[in-house]
PDB file of N, CA and C in Angstrom:
ATOM      1  N   MET A   1      67.641 220.037 143.892  1.00  0.00           N
ATOM      2  CA  MET A   1      66.460 219.683 144.874  1.00  0.00           C
ATOM      3  C   MET A   1      66.452 218.027 144.829  1.00  0.00           C
ATOM      4  N   LEU A   2      66.377 217.930 143.610  1.00  0.00           N
ATOM      5  CA  LEU A   2      66.217 216.096 143.289  1.00  0.00           C
ATOM      6  C   LEU A   2      67.428 215.504 143.977  1.00  0.00           C
ATOM      7  N   LEU A   3      68.697 215.833 143.764  1.00  0.00           N
ATOM      8  CA  LEU A   3      69.976 215.024 144.625  1.00  0.00           C
ATOM      9  C   LEU A   3      69.301 214.997 145.799  1.00  0.00           C
ATOM     10  N   ALA A   4      68.915 216.127 146.880  1.00  0.00           N
ATOM     11  CA  ALA A   4      68.861 216.261 147.851  1.00  0.00           C
ATOM     12  C   ALA A   4      67.447 215.412 148.263  1.00  0.00           C
ATOM     13  N   TRP A   5      66.381 215.123 147.472  1.00  0.00           N
ATOM     14  CA  TRP A   5      65.070 214.614 147.681  1.00  0.00           C
ATOM     15  C   TRP A   5      65.538 213.072 147.664  1.00  0.00           C
ATOM     16  N   MET A   6      66.581 212.454 146.753  1.00  0.00           N
ATOM     17  CA  MET A   6      66.677 211.109 146.595  1.00  0.00           C
ATOM     18  C   MET A   6      67.509 210.593 147.708  1.00  0.00           C
ATOM     19  N   LEU A   7      68.550 211.542 147.850  1.00  0.00           N
ATOM     20  CA  LEU A   7      69.287 211.086 149.439  1.00  0.00           C
ATOM     21  C   LEU A   7      68.465 211.153 150.757  1.00  0.00           C
ATOM     22  N   LEU A   8      67.706 212.142 150.823  1.00  0.00           N
ATOM     23  CA  LEU A   8      66.887 212.240 152.117  1.00  0.00           C
ATOM     24  C   LEU A   8      65.916 210.929 152.127  1.00  0.00           C
ATOM     25  N   SER A   9      65.387 210.671 150.813  1.00  0.00           N
ATOM     26  CA  SER A   9      64.226 209.583 151.090  1.00  0.00           C
ATOM     27  C   SER A   9      64.901 208.163 150.982  1.00  0.00           C
ATOM     28  N   TYR A  10      65.842 208.006 150.552  1.00  0.00           N
ATOM     29  CA  TYR A  10      66.483 206.523 150.462  1.00  0.00           C
ATOM     30  C   TYR A  10      67.123 206.228 151.985  1.00  0.00           C
ATOM     31  N   GLY A  11      67.925 207.399 152.308  1.00  0.00           N
ATOM     32  CA  GLY A  11      68.322 207.429 153.703  1.00  0.00           C
ATOM     33  C   GLY A  11      67.664 207.383 154.800  1.00  0.00           C
ATOM     34  N   TRP A  12      66.221 207.948 154.673  1.00  0.00           N
ATOM     35  CA  TRP A  12      65.250 207.667 155.280  1.00  0.00           C
ATOM     36  C   TRP A  12      64.712 206.320 155.790  1.00  0.00           C
ATOM     37  N   ALA A  13      64.526 205.901 154.349  1.00  0.00           N
ATOM     38  CA  ALA A  13      63.988 204.412 154.155  1.00  0.00           C
ATOM     39  C   ALA A  13      64.841 203.502 154.847  1.00  0.00           C
ATOM     40  N   LYS A  14      66.258 203.604 154.719  1.00  0.00           N
ATOM     41  CA  LYS A  14      67.315 202.636 155.453  1.00  0.00           C
ATOM     42  C   LYS A  14      66.874 202.787 157.115  1.00  0.00           C
ATOM     43  N   LEU A  15      67.129 203.952 157.414  1.00  0.00           N
ATOM     44  CA  LEU A  15      66.855 204.283 158.822  1.00  0.00           C
ATOM     45  C   LEU A  15      65.527 203.702 159.618  1.00  0.00           C
ATOM     46  N   THR A  16      64.555 203.705 158.699  1.00  0.00           N
ATOM     47  CA  THR A  16      63.416 203.193 159.288  1.00  0.00           C
ATOM     48  C   THR A  16      62.937 201.830 159.032  1.00  0.00           C
ATOM     49  N   GLY A  17      63.892 201.119 158.246  1.00  0.00           N
ATOM     50  CA  GLY A  17      63.619 199.720 158.084  1.00  0.00           C
ATOM     51  C   GLY A  17      62.519 199.302 156.625  1.00  0.00           C
ATOM     52  N   ASN A  18      62.735 200.274 155.896  1.00  0.00           N
ATOM     53  CA  ASN A  18      61.941 200.271 154.775  1.00  0.00           C
ATOM     54  C   ASN A  18      62.710 199.782 153.643  1.00  0.00           C
ATOM     55  N   GLN A  19      64.045 199.760 153.411  1.00  0.00           N
ATOM     56  CA  GLN A  19      64.697 199.143 152.345  1.00  0.00           C
ATOM     57  C   GLN A  19      65.585 198.067 152.890  1.00  0.00           C
ATOM     58  N   PHE A  20      65.920 197.168 152.110  1.00  0.00           N
ATOM     59  CA  PHE A  20      66.623 196.054 152.379  1.00  0.00           C
ATOM     60  C   PHE A  20      65.870 194.973 152.908  1.00  0.00           C
ATOM     61  N   GLY A  21      66.481 193.698 153.250  1.00  0.00           N
ATOM     62  CA  GLY A  21      65.715 192.866 153.700  1.00  0.00           C
ATOM     63  C   GLY A  21      65.383 191.763 152.887  1.00  0.00           C
ATOM     64  N   VAL A  22      64.923 190.728 153.374  1.00  0.00           N
ATOM     65  CA  VAL A  22      64.501 189.516 152.863  1.00  0.00           C
ATOM     66  C   VAL A  22      63.185 188.845 153.657  1.00  0.00           C
ATOM     67  N   SER A  23      62.726 187.783 152.962  1.00  0.00           N
ATOM     68  CA  SER A  23      61.445 187.262 153.513  1.00  0.00           C
ATOM     69  C   SER A  23      62.015 186.033 154.276  1.00  0.00           C
ATOM     70  N   GLU A  24      61.296 185.641 155.440  1.00  0.00           N
ATOM     71  CA  GLU A  24      61.469 184.374 156.039  1.00  0.00           C
ATOM     72  C   GLU A  24      61.780 183.105 154.886  1.00  0.00           C
ATOM     73  N   LYS A  25      60.707 183.085 153.743  1.00  0.00           N
ATOM     74  CA  LYS A  25      60.853 182.138 152.928  1.00  0.00           C
ATOM     75  C   LYS A  25      62.405 181.978 152.164  1.00  0.00           C
ATOM     76  N   GLU A  26      63.000 183.248 151.811  1.00  0.00           N
ATOM     77  CA  GLU A  26      64.059 183.481 151.014  1.00  0.00           C
ATOM     78  C   GLU A  26      65.313 183.061 152.218  1.00  0.00           C
ATOM     79  N   LEU A  27      65.085 183.203 153.368  1.00  0.00           N
ATOM     80  CA  LEU A  27      66.256 182.974 154.277  1.00  0.00           C
ATOM     81  C   LEU A  27      66.361 181.331 154.771  1.00  0.00           C
ATOM     82  N   ALA A  28      65.349 180.664 154.141  1.00  0.00           N
ATOM     83  CA  ALA A  28      65.122 179.259 154.558  1.00  0.00           C
ATOM     84  C   ALA A  28      65.661 178.592 153.138  1.00  0.00           C
ATOM     85  N   MET A  29      65.816 179.111 152.337  1.00  0.00           N
ATOM     86  CA  MET A  29      66.409 178.602 151.076  1.00  0.00           C
ATOM     87  C   MET A  29      67.756 178.388 151.225  1.00  0.00           C
ATOM     88  N   PRO A  30      68.178 177.122 150.360  1.00  0.00           N
ATOM     89  CA  PRO A  30      69.612 176.995 150.346  1.00  0.00           C
ATOM     90  C   PRO A  30      70.227 178.276 149.573  1.00  0.00           C
ATOM     91  N   LEU A  31      71.587 178.551 150.012  1.00  0.00           N
ATOM     92  CA  LEU A  31      72.178 179.579 149.196  1.00  0.00           C
ATOM     93  C   LEU A  31      72.330 179.576 147.751  1.00  0.00           C
ATOM     94  N   LYS A  32      72.583 178.423 147.189  1.00  0.00           N
ATOM     95  CA  LYS A  32      72.933 178.357 146.051  1.00  0.00           C
ATOM     96  C   LYS A  32      71.510 178.801 145.093  1.00  0.00           C
ATOM     97  N   ASP A  33      70.221 178.804 145.894  1.00  0.00           N
ATOM     98  CA  ASP A  33      69.171 178.978 145.237  1.00  0.00           C
ATOM     99  C   ASP A  33      68.579 180.652 145.365  1.00  0.00           C
ATOM    100  N   VAL A  34      69.396 181.041 146.156  1.00  0.00           N
ATOM    101  CA  VAL A  34      69.174 182.608 146.444  1.00  0.00           C
ATOM    102  C   VAL A  34      69.847 183.578 145.371  1.00  0.00           C
ATOM    103  N   GLY A  35      69.111 184.457 144.689  1.00  0.00           N
ATOM    104  CA  GLY A  35      69.792 185.073 143.360  1.00  0.00           C
ATOM    105  C   GLY A  35      70.659 186.243 144.261  1.00  0.00           C
ATOM    106  N   LEU A  36      71.458 186.705 143.526  1.00  0.00           N
ATOM    107  CA  LEU A  36      72.688 188.105 144.011  1.00  0.00           C
ATOM    108  C   LEU A  36      71.873 189.126 144.462  1.00  0.00           C
ATOM    109  N   PHE A  37      70.572 189.374 143.980  1.00  0.00           N
ATOM    110  CA  PHE A  37      70.009 190.729 144.524  1.00  0.00           C
ATOM    111  C   PHE A  37      69.138 190.621 145.504  1.00  0.00           C
ATOM    112  N   LYS A  38      68.835 189.318 146.090  1.00  0.00           N
ATOM    113  CA  LYS A  38      68.254 188.891 147.406  1.00  0.00           C
ATOM    114  C   LYS A  38      69.288 189.057 148.343  1.00  0.00           C
ATOM    115  N   LEU A  39      70.511 188.258 148.051  1.00  0.00           N
ATOM    116  CA  LEU A  39      71.858 187.891 149.001  1.00  0.00           C
ATOM    117  C   LEU A  39      72.377 189.275 149.216  1.00  0.00           C
ATOM    118  N   SER A  40      72.330 190.262 148.106  1.00  0.00           N
ATOM    119  CA  SER A  40      72.959 191.472 148.492  1.00  0.00           C
ATOM    120  C   SER A  40      72.323 192.285 149.261  1.00  0.00           C
ATOM    121  N   TRP A  41      70.709 192.313 149.205  1.00  0.00           N
ATOM    122  CA  TRP A  41      69.899 192.843 150.207  1.00  0.00           C
ATOM    123  C   TRP A  41      69.993 192.280 151.666  1.00  0.00           C
ATOM    124  N   TYR A  42      70.186 191.265 151.676  1.00  0.00           N
ATOM    125  CA  TYR A  42      70.219 190.625 152.999  1.00  0.00           C
ATOM    126  C   TYR A  42      71.720 191.118 153.566  1.00  0.00           C
ATOM    127  N   MET A  43      72.604 191.374 152.790  1.00  0.00           N
ATOM    128  CA  MET A  43      73.739 191.711 153.599  1.00  0.00           C
ATOM    129  C   MET A  43      73.804 193.073 153.990  1.00  0.00           C
ATOM    130  N   PHE A  44      73.194 193.859 153.219  1.00  0.00           N
ATOM    131  CA  PHE A  44      73.193 195.496 153.139  1.00  0.00           C
ATOM    132  C   PHE A  44      72.199 195.542 154.156  1.00  0.00           C
ATOM    133  N   ASP A  45      71.276 194.728 154.759  1.00  0.00           N
ATOM    134  CA  ASP A  45      70.422 195.088 155.639  1.00  0.00           C
ATOM    135  C   ASP A  45      71.184 194.906 157.188  1.00  0.00           C
ATOM    136  N   GLN A  46      72.272 194.597 157.167  1.00  0.00           N
ATOM    137  CA  GLN A  46      72.797 194.154 158.419  1.00  0.00           C
ATOM    138  C   GLN A  46      73.534 195.838 159.078  1.00  0.00           C
ATOM    139  N   GLU A  47      73.613 195.768 160.508  1.00  0.00           N
ATOM    140  CA  GLU A  47      73.955 196.879 161.330  1.00  0.00           C
ATOM    141  C   GLU A  47      75.508 196.698 161.455  1.00  0.00           C
ATOM    142  N   PRO A  48      76.220 197.720 161.329  1.00  0.00           N
ATOM    143  CA  PRO A  48      75.953 199.074 161.513  1.00  0.00           C
ATOM    144  C   PRO A  48      76.148 199.419 159.755  1.00  0.00           C
ATOM    145  N   PHE A  49      76.143 198.677 158.884  1.00  0.00           N
ATOM    146  CA  PHE A  49      76.189 199.123 157.513  1.00  0.00           C
ATOM    147  C   PHE A  49      75.015 199.790 157.226  1.00  0.00           C
ATOM    148  N   LYS A  50      73.640 199.290 157.594  1.00  0.00           N
ATOM    149  CA  LYS A  50      72.460 200.210 156.869  1.00  0.00           C
ATOM    150  C   LYS A  50      72.586 201.244 157.649  1.00  0.00           C
ATOM    151  N   SER A  51      72.610 201.668 158.914  1.00  0.00           N
ATOM    152  CA  SER A  51      72.521 202.806 159.358  1.00  0.00           C
ATOM    153  C   SER A  51      73.693 203.560 159.133  1.00  0.00           C
ATOM    154  N   PHE A  52      75.002 203.374 158.836  1.00  0.00           N
ATOM    155  CA  PHE A  52      75.913 204.165 158.768  1.00  0.00           C
ATOM    156  C   PHE A  52      75.569 204.750 157.125  1.00  0.00           C
ATOM    157  N   VAL A  53      75.150 203.925 155.742  1.00  0.00           N
ATOM    158  CA  VAL A  53      74.841 204.491 154.706  1.00  0.00           C
ATOM    159  C   VAL A  53      73.786 205.265 154.707  1.00  0.00           C
ATOM    160  N   GLY A  54      72.441 205.142 155.601  1.00  0.00           N
ATOM    161  CA  GLY A  54      71.234 205.791 155.651  1.00  0.00           C
ATOM    162  C   GLY A  54      71.793 207.258 156.008  1.00  0.00           C
ATOM    163  N   ILE A  55      72.552 207.142 157.232  1.00  0.00           N
ATOM    164  CA  ILE A  55      73.047 208.604 158.193  1.00  0.00           C
ATOM    165  C   ILE A  55      73.758 209.443 156.978  1.00  0.00           C
ATOM    166  N   ALA A  56      74.729 208.793 155.988  1.00  0.00           N
ATOM    167  CA  ALA A  56      75.532 209.285 155.175  1.00  0.00           C
ATOM    168  C   ALA A  56      74.707 209.980 154.439  1.00  0.00           C
ATOM    169  N   GLN A  57      73.600 209.320 153.708  1.00  0.00           N
ATOM    170  CA  GLN A  57      72.620 209.655 152.801  1.00  0.00           C
ATOM    171  C   GLN A  57      71.892 210.968 153.281  1.00  0.00           C
ATOM    172  N   MET A  58      71.415 210.934 154.347  1.00  0.00           N
ATOM    173  CA  MET A  58      70.880 212.081 155.109  1.00  0.00           C
ATOM    174  C   MET A  58      71.578 213.336 155.097  1.00  0.00           C
ATOM    175  N   ILE A  59      72.664 213.300 155.684  1.00  0.00           N
ATOM    176  CA  ILE A  59      73.562 214.250 156.020  1.00  0.00           C
ATOM    177  C   ILE A  59      73.875 214.968 154.490  1.00  0.00           C
ATOM    178  N   SER A  60      74.489 213.898 153.353  1.00  0.00           N
ATOM    179  CA  SER A  60      74.453 214.635 152.341  1.00  0.00           C
ATOM    180  C   SER A  60      73.604 215.421 151.759  1.00  0.00           C
ATOM    181  N   GLY A  61      72.385 214.515 151.647  1.00  0.00           N
ATOM    182  CA  GLY A  61      71.087 215.484 151.065  1.00  0.00           C
ATOM    183  C   GLY A  61      70.737 216.674 151.948  1.00  0.00           C
ATOM    184  N   LEU A  62      71.024 216.576 153.447  1.00  0.00           N
ATOM    185  CA  LEU A  62      70.708 217.859 154.002  1.00  0.00           C
ATOM    186  C   LEU A  62      71.774 219.211 153.407  1.00  0.00           C
ATOM    187  N   LEU A  63      73.269 218.703 153.426  1.00  0.00           N
ATOM    188  CA  LEU A  63      74.137 219.502 153.003  1.00  0.00           C
ATOM    189  C   LEU A  63      73.786 220.270 151.530  1.00  0.00           C
ATOM    190  N   ILE A  64      73.300 219.320 150.803  1.00  0.00           N
ATOM    191  CA  ILE A  64      72.790 219.918 149.360  1.00  0.00           C
ATOM    192  C   ILE A  64      71.579 220.817 149.442  1.00  0.00           C
ATOM    193  N   LEU A  65      70.657 220.945 150.505  1.00  0.00           N
ATOM    194  CA  LEU A  65      69.737 221.674 150.332  1.00  0.00           C
ATOM    195  C   LEU A  65      70.108 223.111 150.399  1.00  0.00           C
ATOM    196  N   TYR A  66      71.128 223.274 151.082  1.00  0.00           N
ATOM    197  CA  TYR A  66      71.776 224.732 151.622  1.00  0.00           C
ATOM    198  C   TYR A  66      72.907 225.337 150.716  1.00  0.00           C
ATOM    199  N   ASN A  67      72.683 226.390 150.165  1.00  0.00           N
ATOM    200  CA  ASN A  67      73.800 226.807 149.156  1.00  0.00           C
ATOM    201  C   ASN A  67      75.218 226.763 149.594  1.00  0.00           C
ATOM    202  N   ARG A  68      75.273 227.417 150.886  1.00  0.00           N
ATOM    203  CA  ARG A  68      76.481 227.624 151.494  1.00  0.00           C
ATOM    204  C   ARG A  68      77.049 226.216 151.703  1.00  0.00           C
ATOM    205  N   THR A  69      76.472 224.922 152.034  1.00  0.00           N
ATOM    206  CA  THR A  69      77.032 223.483 152.094  1.00  0.00           C
ATOM    207  C   THR A  69      76.847 222.746 151.071  1.00  0.00           C
ATOM    208  N   LEU A  70      76.534 223.158 149.811  1.00  0.00           N
ATOM    209  CA  LEU A  70      75.979 222.512 148.628  1.00  0.00           C
ATOM    210  C   LEU A  70      77.251 221.758 148.160  1.00  0.00           C
ATOM    211  N   ILE A  71      78.456 222.222 148.041  1.00  0.00           N
ATOM    212  CA  ILE A  71      79.629 221.742 147.453  1.00  0.00           C
ATOM    213  C   ILE A  71      80.185 220.266 148.400  1.00  0.00           C
ATOM    214  N   LEU A  72      80.162 220.799 149.583  1.00  0.00           N
ATOM    215  CA  LEU A  72      80.280 219.592 150.459  1.00  0.00           C
ATOM    216  C   LEU A  72      79.358 218.349 150.565  1.00  0.00           C
ATOM    217  N   GLY A  73      77.981 218.722 150.450  1.00  0.00           N
ATOM    218  CA  GLY A  73      77.288 217.505 150.105  1.00  0.00           C
ATOM    219  C   GLY A  73      77.268 216.991 148.773  1.00  0.00           C
ATOM    220  N   VAL A  74      77.736 217.555 147.829  1.00  0.00           N
ATOM    221  CA  VAL A  74      77.997 216.874 146.599  1.00  0.00           C
ATOM    222  C   VAL A  74      79.039 216.028 146.555  1.00  0.00           C
ATOM    223  N   LEU A  75      80.135 216.624 147.444  1.00  0.00           N
ATOM    224  CA  LEU A  75      81.435 215.705 147.389  1.00  0.00           C
ATOM    225  C   LEU A  75      80.931 214.523 148.157  1.00  0.00           C
ATOM    226  N   ILE A  76      80.402 214.499 149.269  1.00  0.00           N
ATOM    227  CA  ILE A  76      79.902 213.222 150.011  1.00  0.00           C
ATOM    228  C   ILE A  76      79.221 212.347 149.397  1.00  0.00           C
ATOM    229  N   SER A  77      77.936 213.000 148.323  1.00  0.00           N
ATOM    230  CA  SER A  77      77.120 212.162 147.675  1.00  0.00           C
ATOM    231  C   SER A  77      78.070 211.374 146.359  1.00  0.00           C
ATOM    232  N   ILE A  78      79.124 211.825 145.764  1.00  0.00           N
ATOM    233  CA  ILE A  78      79.719 211.198 144.738  1.00  0.00           C
ATOM    234  C   ILE A  78      80.144 209.640 145.360  1.00  0.00           C
ATOM    235  N   PRO A  79      80.869 209.486 146.105  1.00  0.00           N
ATOM    236  CA  PRO A  79      80.946 208.100 146.441  1.00  0.00           C
ATOM    237  C   PRO A  79      79.844 207.056 146.946  1.00  0.00           C
ATOM    238  N   ILE A  80      78.770 207.897 147.537  1.00  0.00           N
ATOM    239  CA  ILE A  80      77.618 207.186 147.834  1.00  0.00           C
ATOM    240  C   ILE A  80      76.930 206.561 146.603  1.00  0.00           C
ATOM    241  N   PHE A  81      76.716 207.658 145.358  1.00  0.00           N
ATOM    242  CA  PHE A  81      76.087 207.508 144.367  1.00  0.00           C
ATOM    243  C   PHE A  81      77.033 206.084 143.443  1.00  0.00           C
ATOM    244  N   ALA A  82      78.271 206.607 143.618  1.00  0.00           N
ATOM    245  CA  ALA A  82      79.215 205.642 142.785  1.00  0.00           C
ATOM    246  C   ALA A  82      79.216 204.204 143.215  1.00  0.00           C
ATOM    247  N   ASN A  83      79.046 203.862 144.674  1.00  0.00           N
ATOM    248  CA  ASN A  83      78.848 202.664 145.288  1.00  0.00           C
ATOM    249  C   ASN A  83      77.922 202.130 144.854  1.00  0.00           C
ATOM    250  N   ILE A  84      76.811 202.788 145.010  1.00  0.00           N
ATOM    251  CA  ILE A  84      75.292 202.223 144.725  1.00  0.00           C
ATOM    252  C   ILE A  84      75.322 201.716 143.090  1.00  0.00           C
ATOM    253  N   LEU A  85      75.881 202.571 142.523  1.00  0.00           N
ATOM    254  CA  LEU A  85      75.940 202.042 141.103  1.00  0.00           C
ATOM    255  C   LEU A  85      76.667 200.726 140.612  1.00  0.00           C
ATOM    256  N   VAL A  86      77.868 200.789 141.313  1.00  0.00           N
ATOM    257  CA  VAL A  86      78.770 199.509 141.204  1.00  0.00           C
ATOM    258  C   VAL A  86      78.138 198.112 141.780  1.00  0.00           C
ATOM    259  N   ILE A  87      77.423 198.635 142.961  1.00  0.00           N
ATOM    260  CA  ILE A  87      76.546 197.562 143.647  1.00  0.00           C
ATOM    261  C   ILE A  87      75.573 196.964 142.752  1.00  0.00           C
ATOM    262  N   ASP A  88      74.577 197.970 141.922  1.00  0.00           N
ATOM    263  CA  ASP A  88      73.594 197.630 141.243  1.00  0.00           C
ATOM    264  C   ASP A  88      74.251 196.880 139.776  1.00  0.00           C
ATOM    265  N   ILE A  89      75.180 197.372 139.356  1.00  0.00           N
ATOM    266  CA  ILE A  89      75.727 196.715 138.145  1.00  0.00           C
ATOM    267  C   ILE A  89      76.281 195.299 138.541  1.00  0.00           C
ATOM    268  N   THR A  90      76.671 194.996 139.984  1.00  0.00           N
ATOM    269  CA  THR A  90      77.087 193.621 140.271  1.00  0.00           C
ATOM    270  C   THR A  90      75.925 192.584 140.584  1.00  0.00           C
ATOM    271  N   TYR A  91      75.196 193.419 141.316  1.00  0.00           N
ATOM    272  CA  TYR A  91      74.109 192.376 141.792  1.00  0.00           C
ATOM    273  C   TYR A  91      72.647 192.493 140.953  1.00  0.00           C
ATOM    274  N   VAL A  92      72.302 193.814 140.998  1.00  0.00           N
ATOM    275  CA  VAL A  92      70.772 194.152 140.261  1.00  0.00           C
ATOM    276  C   VAL A  92      70.611 193.655 139.071  1.00  0.00           C
ATOM    277  N   LYS A  93      71.540 193.856 138.230  1.00  0.00           N
ATOM    278  CA  LYS A  93      71.196 193.878 136.860  1.00  0.00           C
ATOM    279  C   LYS A  93      69.976 194.479 136.132  1.00  0.00           C
ATOM    280  N   MET A  94      69.470 195.497 136.879  1.00  0.00           N
ATOM    281  CA  MET A  94      68.599 196.356 135.950  1.00  0.00           C
ATOM    282  C   MET A  94      69.185 197.489 135.394  1.00  0.00           C
ATOM    283  N   THR A  95      68.851 197.900 134.022  1.00  0.00           N
ATOM    284  CA  THR A  95      69.641 198.932 133.575  1.00  0.00           C
ATOM    285  C   THR A  95      68.992 200.098 133.846  1.00  0.00           C
ATOM    286  N   ALA A  96      67.560 200.350 134.222  1.00  0.00           N
ATOM    287  CA  ALA A  96      67.058 201.799 134.648  1.00  0.00           C
ATOM    288  C   ALA A  96      67.663 202.060 135.942  1.00  0.00           C
ATOM    289  N   PHE A  97      67.976 201.409 136.535  1.00  0.00           N
ATOM    290  CA  PHE A  97      68.982 201.868 137.868  1.00  0.00           C
ATOM    291  C   PHE A  97      70.356 202.610 137.399  1.00  0.00           C
ATOM    292  N   TYR A  98      70.965 201.877 136.523  1.00  0.00           N
ATOM    293  CA  TYR A  98      72.069 202.050 135.696  1.00  0.00           C
ATOM    294  C   TYR A  98      72.052 203.818 135.648  1.00  0.00           C
ATOM    295  N   TRP A  99      71.158 203.963 134.525  1.00  0.00           N
ATOM    296  CA  TRP A  99      71.004 205.402 133.866  1.00  0.00           C
ATOM    297  C   TRP A  99      70.736 206.450 135.213  1.00  0.00           C
ATOM    298  N   ARG A 100      69.684 206.031 136.044  1.00  0.00           N
ATOM    299  CA  ARG A 100      69.317 206.952 137.125  1.00  0.00           C
ATOM    300  C   ARG A 100      70.586 207.258 137.816  1.00  0.00           C
ATOM    301  N   LEU A 101      71.406 206.445 138.382  1.00  0.00           N
ATOM    302  CA  LEU A 101      72.428 206.622 139.250  1.00  0.00           C
ATOM    303  C   LEU A 101      73.513 207.434 138.310  1.00  0.00           C
ATOM    304  N   SER A 102      73.586 207.108 137.006  1.00  0.00           N
ATOM    305  CA  SER A 102      74.660 207.662 136.254  1.00  0.00           C
ATOM    306  C   SER A 102      74.202 209.143 136.178  1.00  0.00           C
ATOM    307  N   TYR A 103      73.018 209.382 136.074  1.00  0.00           N
ATOM    308  CA  TYR A 103      72.253 210.668 135.964  1.00  0.00           C
ATOM    309  C   TYR A 103      72.577 211.519 137.305  1.00  0.00           C
ATOM    310  N   TYR A 104      72.460 210.786 138.248  1.00  0.00           N
ATOM    311  CA  TYR A 104      72.642 211.581 139.531  1.00  0.00           C
ATOM    312  C   TYR A 104      74.304 212.103 139.917  1.00  0.00           C
ATOM    313  N   LEU A 105      75.118 211.004 139.298  1.00  0.00           N
ATOM    314  CA  LEU A 105      76.434 211.306 139.128  1.00  0.00           C
ATOM    315  C   LEU A 105      76.628 212.794 138.558  1.00  0.00           C
ATOM    316  N   LEU A 106      76.077 212.522 137.055  1.00  0.00           N
ATOM    317  CA  LEU A 106      76.352 213.506 135.953  1.00  0.00           C
ATOM    318  C   LEU A 106      75.893 215.052 136.974  1.00  0.00           C
ATOM    319  N   LEU A 107      74.678 215.060 137.588  1.00  0.00           N
ATOM    320  CA  LEU A 107      74.417 216.102 138.136  1.00  0.00           C
ATOM    321  C   LEU A 107      75.404 216.562 139.305  1.00  0.00           C
ATOM    322  N   ASP A 108      75.847 215.697 139.845  1.00  0.00           N
ATOM    323  CA  ASP A 108      76.708 216.245 140.830  1.00  0.00           C
ATOM    324  C   ASP A 108      78.218 216.635 139.999  1.00  0.00           C
ATOM    325  N   PHE A 109      78.422 216.075 139.082  1.00  0.00           N
ATOM    326  CA  PHE A 109      79.576 216.642 138.516  1.00  0.00           C
ATOM    327  C   PHE A 109      79.131 218.036 137.654  1.00  0.00           C
ATOM    328  N   LEU A 110      77.959 218.273 137.267  1.00  0.00           N
ATOM    329  CA  LEU A 110      77.568 219.635 136.707  1.00  0.00           C
ATOM    330  C   LEU A 110      77.991 220.637 137.686  1.00  0.00           C
ATOM    331  N   ILE A 111      77.395 220.255 138.952  1.00  0.00           N
ATOM    332  CA  ILE A 111      77.422 221.411 140.167  1.00  0.00           C
ATOM    333  C   ILE A 111      78.685 221.749 140.168  1.00  0.00           C
ATOM    334  N   LEU A 112      79.779 220.569 140.583  1.00  0.00           N
ATOM    335  CA  LEU A 112      80.986 220.951 140.829  1.00  0.00           C
ATOM    336  C   LEU A 112      81.689 222.052 139.603  1.00  0.00           C
ATOM    337  N   TRP A 113      81.091 221.260 138.358  1.00  0.00           N
ATOM    338  CA  TRP A 113      81.813 222.133 137.423  1.00  0.00           C
ATOM    339  C   TRP A 113      81.169 223.737 137.492  1.00  0.00           C
ATOM    340  N   HIS A 114      79.808 224.046 137.688  1.00  0.00           N
ATOM    341  CA  HIS A 114      79.445 225.413 137.751  1.00  0.00           C
ATOM    342  C   HIS A 114      80.283 226.243 138.923  1.00  0.00           C
ATOM    343  N   TYR A 115      80.763 225.597 139.930  1.00  0.00           N
ATOM    344  CA  TYR A 115      81.479 226.003 141.023  1.00  0.00           C
ATOM    345  C   TYR A 115      83.063 225.781 140.881  1.00  0.00           C
ATOM    346  N   LYS A 116      83.462 225.591 139.492  1.00  0.00           N
ATOM    347  CA  LYS A 116      84.510 225.394 139.420  1.00  0.00           C
ATOM    348  C   LYS A 116      85.701 226.201 139.792  1.00  0.00           C
ATOM    349  N   ASP A 117      85.533 227.339 140.156  1.00  0.00           N
ATOM    350  CA  ASP A 117      86.693 228.290 140.690  1.00  0.00           C
ATOM    351  C   ASP A 117      86.765 228.218 142.150  1.00  0.00           C
ATOM    352  N   ARG A 118      85.566 227.906 142.510  1.00  0.00           N
ATOM    353  CA  ARG A 118      85.824 227.706 144.170  1.00  0.00           C
ATOM    354  C   ARG A 118      86.443 226.386 144.232  1.00  0.00           C
ATOM    355  N   MET A 119      86.209 225.415 143.548  1.00  0.00           N
ATOM    356  CA  MET A 119      86.962 224.054 143.909  1.00  0.00           C
ATOM    357  C   MET A 119      88.498 224.343 143.581  1.00  0.00           C
ATOM    358  N   LYS A 120      88.797 225.043 142.469  1.00  0.00           N
ATOM    359  CA  LYS A 120      90.370 225.445 141.975  1.00  0.00           C
ATOM    360  C   LYS A 120      90.972 225.980 143.549  1.00  0.00           C
ATOM    361  N   THR A 121      90.233 227.066 144.052  1.00  0.00           N
ATOM    362  CA  THR A 121      90.658 227.828 145.076  1.00  0.00           C
ATOM    363  C   THR A 121      91.008 226.775 146.154  1.00  0.00           C
ATOM    364  N   ALA A 122      89.738 225.954 146.632  1.00  0.00           N
ATOM    365  CA  ALA A 122      89.857 224.982 147.633  1.00  0.00           C
ATOM    366  C   ALA A 122      91.160 224.024 147.369  1.00  0.00           C
ATOM    367  N   PHE A 123      91.348 223.695 146.063  1.00  0.00           N
ATOM    368  CA  PHE A 123      92.345 222.592 145.959  1.00  0.00           C
ATOM    369  C   PHE A 123      93.710 223.106 146.277  1.00  0.00           C
ATOM    370  N   LYS A 124      93.632 224.388 145.500  1.00  0.00           N
ATOM    371  CA  LYS A 124      95.190 224.873 145.710  1.00  0.00           C
ATOM    372  C   LYS A 124      95.599 225.203 147.181  1.00  0.00           C
ATOM    373  N   SER A 125      94.538 225.725 148.054  1.00  0.00           N
ATOM    374  CA  SER A 125      94.979 225.937 149.234  1.00  0.00           C
ATOM    375  C   SER A 125      94.998 224.350 150.158  1.00  0.00           C
ATOM    376  N   ILE A 126      94.739 223.545 149.995  1.00  0.00           N
ATOM    377  CA  ILE A 126      94.783 222.289 150.530  1.00  0.00           C
ATOM    378  C   ILE A 126      96.068 221.623 150.123  1.00  0.00           C
ATOM    379  N   LEU A 127      96.493 221.687 148.644  1.00  0.00           N
ATOM    380  CA  LEU A 127      97.673 221.066 148.445  1.00  0.00           C
ATOM    381  C   LEU A 127      98.792 221.834 148.158  1.00  0.00           C
ATOM    382  N   TRP A 128      98.668 223.251 147.969  1.00  0.00           N
ATOM    383  CA  TRP A 128      99.936 224.214 147.859  1.00  0.00           C
ATOM    384  C   TRP A 128     100.271 225.090 148.933  1.00  0.00           C
ATOM    385  N   GLU A 129      99.528 225.164 149.924  1.00  0.00           N
ATOM    386  CA  GLU A 129      99.723 225.975 151.022  1.00  0.00           C
ATOM    387  C   GLU A 129      99.713 225.428 152.250  1.00  0.00           C
TER     388      GLU A 129
END
């Protein structure tokens, strides 16, 4: 539930314009004076990037809510969380986010571990048949 809630809430925030962006004051500053965090938020506010990520997060969150589609949702969320983690390490420089995103990735991998027999069957079917 936690993973689904986080993905749905962040995806919704992107789609409704409540995440990313910078102020007019920051846009008027010389580029050399703008911090990496604000610069990255300006770039991530551009379309279609923002909508693509928001929709991907919403789809992943919805898939995680249902047991039948849980594994697919987790597999979609792993690159989303990994990408956000790398972006935060690069631009944000806030360690609390590192731990939170690492925790979400750990939860993803624990879910996959729980369903390891299904994962083995799926990979065998894909790779060897």
